[in-house]
């Protein structure tokens, strides 16, 4: 799941032409935590994924795609 979230965040940055600092600010998280998310190694709960979606204002990650 973490890898798919990381790929989704990278895709969001590319689609919106923003960098890590801008994405971290949008999400309200530190650049260090964003780095862990982007590494694909951070253990995420469903709530954490839902919070990311809400903060970005989209349904970027579909549960069936994340948990498959």
C-alpha atoms as a PDB file:
ATOM      1  CA  UNK A   1       0.000   0.000   0.000  1.00  0.00           C
ATOM      2  CA  UNK A   2       2.723   2.488   0.930  1.00  0.00           C
ATOM      3  CA  UNK A   3       4.387   2.156  -2.448  1.00  0.00           C
ATOM      4  CA  UNK A   4       1.136   2.891  -4.279  1.00  0.00           C
ATOM      5  CA  UNK A   5       0.520   5.951  -2.113  1.00  0.00           C
ATOM      6  CA  UNK A   6       4.068   7.141  -2.852  1.00  0.00           C
ATOM      7  CA  UNK A   7       3.508   6.716  -6.586  1.00  0.00           C
ATOM      8  CA  UNK A   8       0.203   8.565  -6.288  1.00  0.00           C
ATOM      9  CA  UNK A   9       1.861  11.487  -4.490  1.00  0.00           C
ATOM     10  CA  UNK A  10       4.631  11.633  -7.080  1.00  0.00           C
ATOM     11  CA  UNK A  11       2.017  11.629  -9.833  1.00  0.00           C
ATOM     12  CA  UNK A  12       0.138  14.433  -8.065  1.00  0.00           C
ATOM     13  CA  UNK A  13       3.313  16.523  -7.906  1.00  0.00           C
ATOM     14  CA  UNK A  14       4.005  15.927 -11.595  1.00  0.00           C
ATOM     15  CA  UNK A  15       0.412  16.637 -12.652  1.00  0.00           C
ATOM     16  CA  UNK A  16       0.313  19.875 -10.658  1.00  0.00           C
ATOM     17  CA  UNK A  17       3.903  20.978 -11.352  1.00  0.00           C
ATOM     18  CA  UNK A  18       4.784  21.343  -7.679  1.00  0.00           C
ATOM     19  CA  UNK A  19       7.778  20.291  -5.649  1.00  0.00           C
ATOM     20  CA  UNK A  20       8.174  18.494  -2.354  1.00  0.00           C
ATOM     21  CA  UNK A  21       8.094  21.624  -0.218  1.00  0.00           C
ATOM     22  CA  UNK A  22       4.855  22.782  -1.822  1.00  0.00           C
ATOM     23  CA  UNK A  23       3.248  19.364  -1.405  1.00  0.00           C
ATOM     24  CA  UNK A  24       4.348  19.149   2.222  1.00  0.00           C
ATOM     25  CA  UNK A  25       2.789  22.570   2.839  1.00  0.00           C
ATOM     26  CA  UNK A  26      -0.462  21.513   1.121  1.00  0.00           C
ATOM     27  CA  UNK A  27      -0.626  18.408   3.270  1.00  0.00           C
ATOM     28  CA  UNK A  28       0.352  20.219   6.461  1.00  0.00           C
ATOM     29  CA  UNK A  29       3.245  17.843   7.114  1.00  0.00           C
ATOM     30  CA  UNK A  30       6.990  18.244   7.440  1.00  0.00           C
ATOM     31  CA  UNK A  31       9.274  17.789   4.459  1.00  0.00           C
ATOM     32  CA  UNK A  32      10.940  14.949   6.387  1.00  0.00           C
ATOM     33  CA  UNK A  33       7.645  13.075   6.801  1.00  0.00           C
ATOM     34  CA  UNK A  34       6.826  13.643   3.132  1.00  0.00           C
ATOM     35  CA  UNK A  35      10.209  12.135   2.305  1.00  0.00           C
ATOM     36  CA  UNK A  36       9.268   9.012   4.252  1.00  0.00           C
ATOM     37  CA  UNK A  37       5.926   8.848   2.429  1.00  0.00           C
ATOM     38  CA  UNK A  38       7.630   9.234  -0.941  1.00  0.00           C
ATOM     39  CA  UNK A  39      10.107   6.480  -0.091  1.00  0.00           C
ATOM     40  CA  UNK A  40       7.194   4.036  -0.018  1.00  0.00           C
ATOM     41  CA  UNK A  41       8.445   2.589   3.259  1.00  0.00           C
ATOM     42  CA  UNK A  42       6.100   4.377   5.701  1.00  0.00           C
ATOM     43  CA  UNK A  43       3.345   2.220   7.220  1.00  0.00           C
ATOM     44  CA  UNK A  44       0.046   3.964   6.622  1.00  0.00           C
ATOM     45  CA  UNK A  45      -3.352   3.351   8.130  1.00  0.00           C
ATOM     46  CA  UNK A  46      -6.517   3.721   6.093  1.00  0.00           C
ATOM     47  CA  UNK A  47      -7.186   6.925   8.068  1.00  0.00           C
ATOM     48  CA  UNK A  48      -3.794   8.336   7.052  1.00  0.00           C
ATOM     49  CA  UNK A  49      -4.560   7.648   3.400  1.00  0.00           C
ATOM     50  CA  UNK A  50      -8.016   9.220   3.768  1.00  0.00           C
ATOM     51  CA  UNK A  51      -6.444  12.303   5.394  1.00  0.00           C
ATOM     52  CA  UNK A  52      -4.034  12.678   2.475  1.00  0.00           C
ATOM     53  CA  UNK A  53      -6.940  12.480   0.027  1.00  0.00           C
ATOM     54  CA  UNK A  54      -8.971  15.040   1.950  1.00  0.00           C
ATOM     55  CA  UNK A  55      -6.097  17.492   2.175  1.00  0.00           C
ATOM     56  CA  UNK A  56      -5.484  17.272  -1.561  1.00  0.00           C
ATOM     57  CA  UNK A  57      -9.198  17.584  -2.289  1.00  0.00           C
ATOM     58  CA  UNK A  58      -9.469  14.475  -4.418  1.00  0.00           C
ATOM     59  CA  UNK A  59     -10.092  10.779  -4.386  1.00  0.00           C
ATOM     60  CA  UNK A  60      -6.732   9.938  -5.846  1.00  0.00           C
ATOM     61  CA  UNK A  61      -6.265   6.617  -4.086  1.00  0.00           C
ATOM     62  CA  UNK A  62      -8.981   4.016  -4.512  1.00  0.00           C
ATOM     63  CA  UNK A  63      -9.033   1.453  -1.676  1.00  0.00           C
ATOM     64  CA  UNK A  64      -9.127  -1.466  -4.100  1.00  0.00           C
ATOM     65  CA  UNK A  65      -5.967  -0.159  -5.776  1.00  0.00           C
ATOM     66  CA  UNK A  66      -4.108   0.555  -2.539  1.00  0.00           C
ATOM     67  CA  UNK A  67      -4.753  -2.797  -0.878  1.00  0.00           C
ATOM     68  CA  UNK A  68      -4.291  -4.973  -3.935  1.00  0.00           C
END
